[in-house]
Amino acid sequence: MTYLYLTIAIVAEVIATSALKASDGFVRLWPSVVTVIGYGIAFYFLALTLRTIPTGIAYAIWSGVGIVLISAVGWIWFRQSLDLPAIIGMVLIIAGVLVVNLFSRSAAH
């Protein structure tokens, strides 16, 4: 269940961050509402995750996967460009998350 909670936290954070961009500085009501609710859900499920997974490991996974996903959303949804160094950096982030999950004894499995 812990990784399901972490997945929900990540997805909620990506939705909230996407809505934050669409809120236009909290000027548009519904994207602003989605932002606040999304972050609330994200932090609630991150808190549940922290019952089992150490804070540093959970946060590394949450932020790493979130960075890659929100970059993909920005590229697809908001038509923001990604250059080669950005893509290489995200590949390195994914590699780091994989190393933590596959080889670290700190990560709870």
Protein backbone atom coordinates (compact mmCIF):
# COMPACT_ATOMS: atom_id res chain seq x y z
CA MET A 1 0.00 0.00 0.00
CA THR A 2 2.89 2.36 0.69
CA TYR A 3 3.90 2.68 -2.94
CA LEU A 4 0.26 3.12 -3.94
CA TYR A 5 0.07 6.05 -1.49
CA LEU A 6 3.27 7.48 -2.95
CA THR A 7 1.91 7.11 -6.48
CA ILE A 8 -1.29 8.93 -5.52
CA ALA A 9 0.79 11.69 -3.91
CA ILE A 10 2.89 12.07 -7.06
CA VAL A 11 -0.10 12.14 -9.43
CA ALA A 12 -1.97 14.63 -7.22
CA GLU A 13 1.11 16.87 -7.10
CA VAL A 14 1.49 16.79 -10.88
CA ILE A 15 -2.19 17.64 -11.35
CA ALA A 16 -1.92 20.45 -8.79
CA THR A 17 1.19 21.89 -10.41
CA SER A 18 -0.43 21.75 -13.84
CA ALA A 19 -3.48 23.53 -12.46
CA LEU A 20 -1.20 26.08 -10.79
CA LYS A 21 0.17 26.99 -14.21
CA ALA A 22 -3.38 27.18 -15.59
CA SER A 23 -4.57 29.32 -12.64
CA ASP A 24 -2.58 32.26 -14.03
CA GLY A 25 -1.35 33.36 -10.61
CA PHE A 26 -4.54 32.28 -8.81
CA VAL A 27 -6.63 34.59 -11.01
CA ARG A 28 -8.75 31.78 -12.52
CA LEU A 29 -11.05 30.17 -9.96
CA TRP A 30 -11.32 26.51 -10.97
CA PRO A 31 -7.65 25.88 -11.69
CA SER A 32 -6.92 27.56 -8.33
CA VAL A 33 -9.38 25.24 -6.56
CA VAL A 34 -7.82 22.20 -8.25
CA THR A 35 -4.39 23.43 -7.14
CA VAL A 36 -5.33 23.71 -3.48
CA ILE A 37 -7.19 20.39 -3.39
CA GLY A 38 -4.47 18.62 -5.38
CA TYR A 39 -1.71 19.75 -3.05
CA GLY A 40 -3.82 18.79 -0.04
CA ILE A 41 -4.25 15.27 -1.43
CA ALA A 42 -0.57 15.08 -2.37
CA PHE A 43 0.66 16.00 1.11
CA TYR A 44 -1.89 13.75 2.82
CA PHE A 45 -0.75 10.70 0.86
CA LEU A 46 2.90 11.68 1.20
CA ALA A 47 2.34 11.76 4.97
CA LEU A 48 0.88 8.25 4.82
CA THR A 49 3.91 7.14 2.82
CA LEU A 50 6.27 8.53 5.46
CA ARG A 51 4.89 6.06 8.00
CA THR A 52 6.86 3.34 6.22
CA ILE A 53 9.46 4.82 3.88
CA PRO A 54 12.23 7.05 5.28
CA THR A 55 11.65 10.75 4.56
CA GLY A 56 14.71 11.21 2.33
CA ILE A 57 13.91 8.19 0.19
CA ALA A 58 10.20 9.04 -0.16
CA TYR A 59 10.97 12.66 -1.00
CA ALA A 60 13.64 11.68 -3.52
CA ILE A 61 11.18 9.42 -5.33
CA TRP A 62 8.30 11.91 -5.03
CA SER A 63 10.27 14.87 -6.31
CA GLY A 64 12.23 12.94 -8.96
CA VAL A 65 9.21 11.31 -10.56
CA GLY A 66 7.24 14.53 -10.14
CA ILE A 67 9.90 16.55 -11.98
CA VAL A 68 9.89 14.16 -14.91
CA LEU A 69 6.09 13.95 -15.09
CA ILE A 70 5.48 17.69 -14.80
CA SER A 71 8.12 18.29 -17.46
CA ALA A 72 6.28 15.87 -19.74
CA VAL A 73 2.96 17.61 -18.99
CA GLY A 74 4.55 20.99 -19.73
CA TRP A 75 5.93 19.68 -22.99
CA ILE A 76 2.67 18.04 -24.13
CA TRP A 77 -0.03 20.24 -22.58
CA PHE A 78 1.59 23.68 -22.41
CA ARG A 79 3.84 23.26 -25.49
CA GLN A 80 6.98 24.06 -23.49
CA SER A 81 10.16 22.92 -25.18
CA LEU A 82 12.73 20.56 -23.70
CA ASP A 83 16.27 20.76 -25.02
CA LEU A 84 18.82 17.96 -24.98
CA PRO A 85 20.42 18.91 -21.63
CA ALA A 86 16.97 18.93 -19.99
CA ILE A 87 16.16 15.50 -21.38
CA ILE A 88 19.55 14.13 -20.30
CA GLY A 89 19.00 15.57 -16.83
CA MET A 90 15.61 13.88 -16.57
CA VAL A 91 17.10 10.56 -17.69
CA LEU A 92 19.62 10.94 -14.86
CA ILE A 93 16.79 11.67 -12.41
CA ILE A 94 14.98 8.50 -13.51
CA ALA A 95 18.25 6.57 -13.15
CA GLY A 96 18.65 7.93 -9.63
CA VAL A 97 15.13 6.91 -8.63
CA LEU A 98 15.76 3.43 -10.04
CA VAL A 99 19.07 3.10 -8.16
CA VAL A 100 17.38 4.11 -4.90
CA ASN A 101 14.53 1.64 -5.40
CA LEU A 102 16.53 -1.27 -6.71
CA PHE A 103 19.74 -1.10 -4.71
CA SER A 104 19.26 0.96 -1.56
CA ARG A 105 18.66 -0.87 1.69
CA SER A 106 17.07 2.33 3.01
CA ALA A 107 14.01 1.99 0.76
CA ALA A 108 11.21 -0.07 2.27
CA HIS A 109 10.05 -2.91 0.01
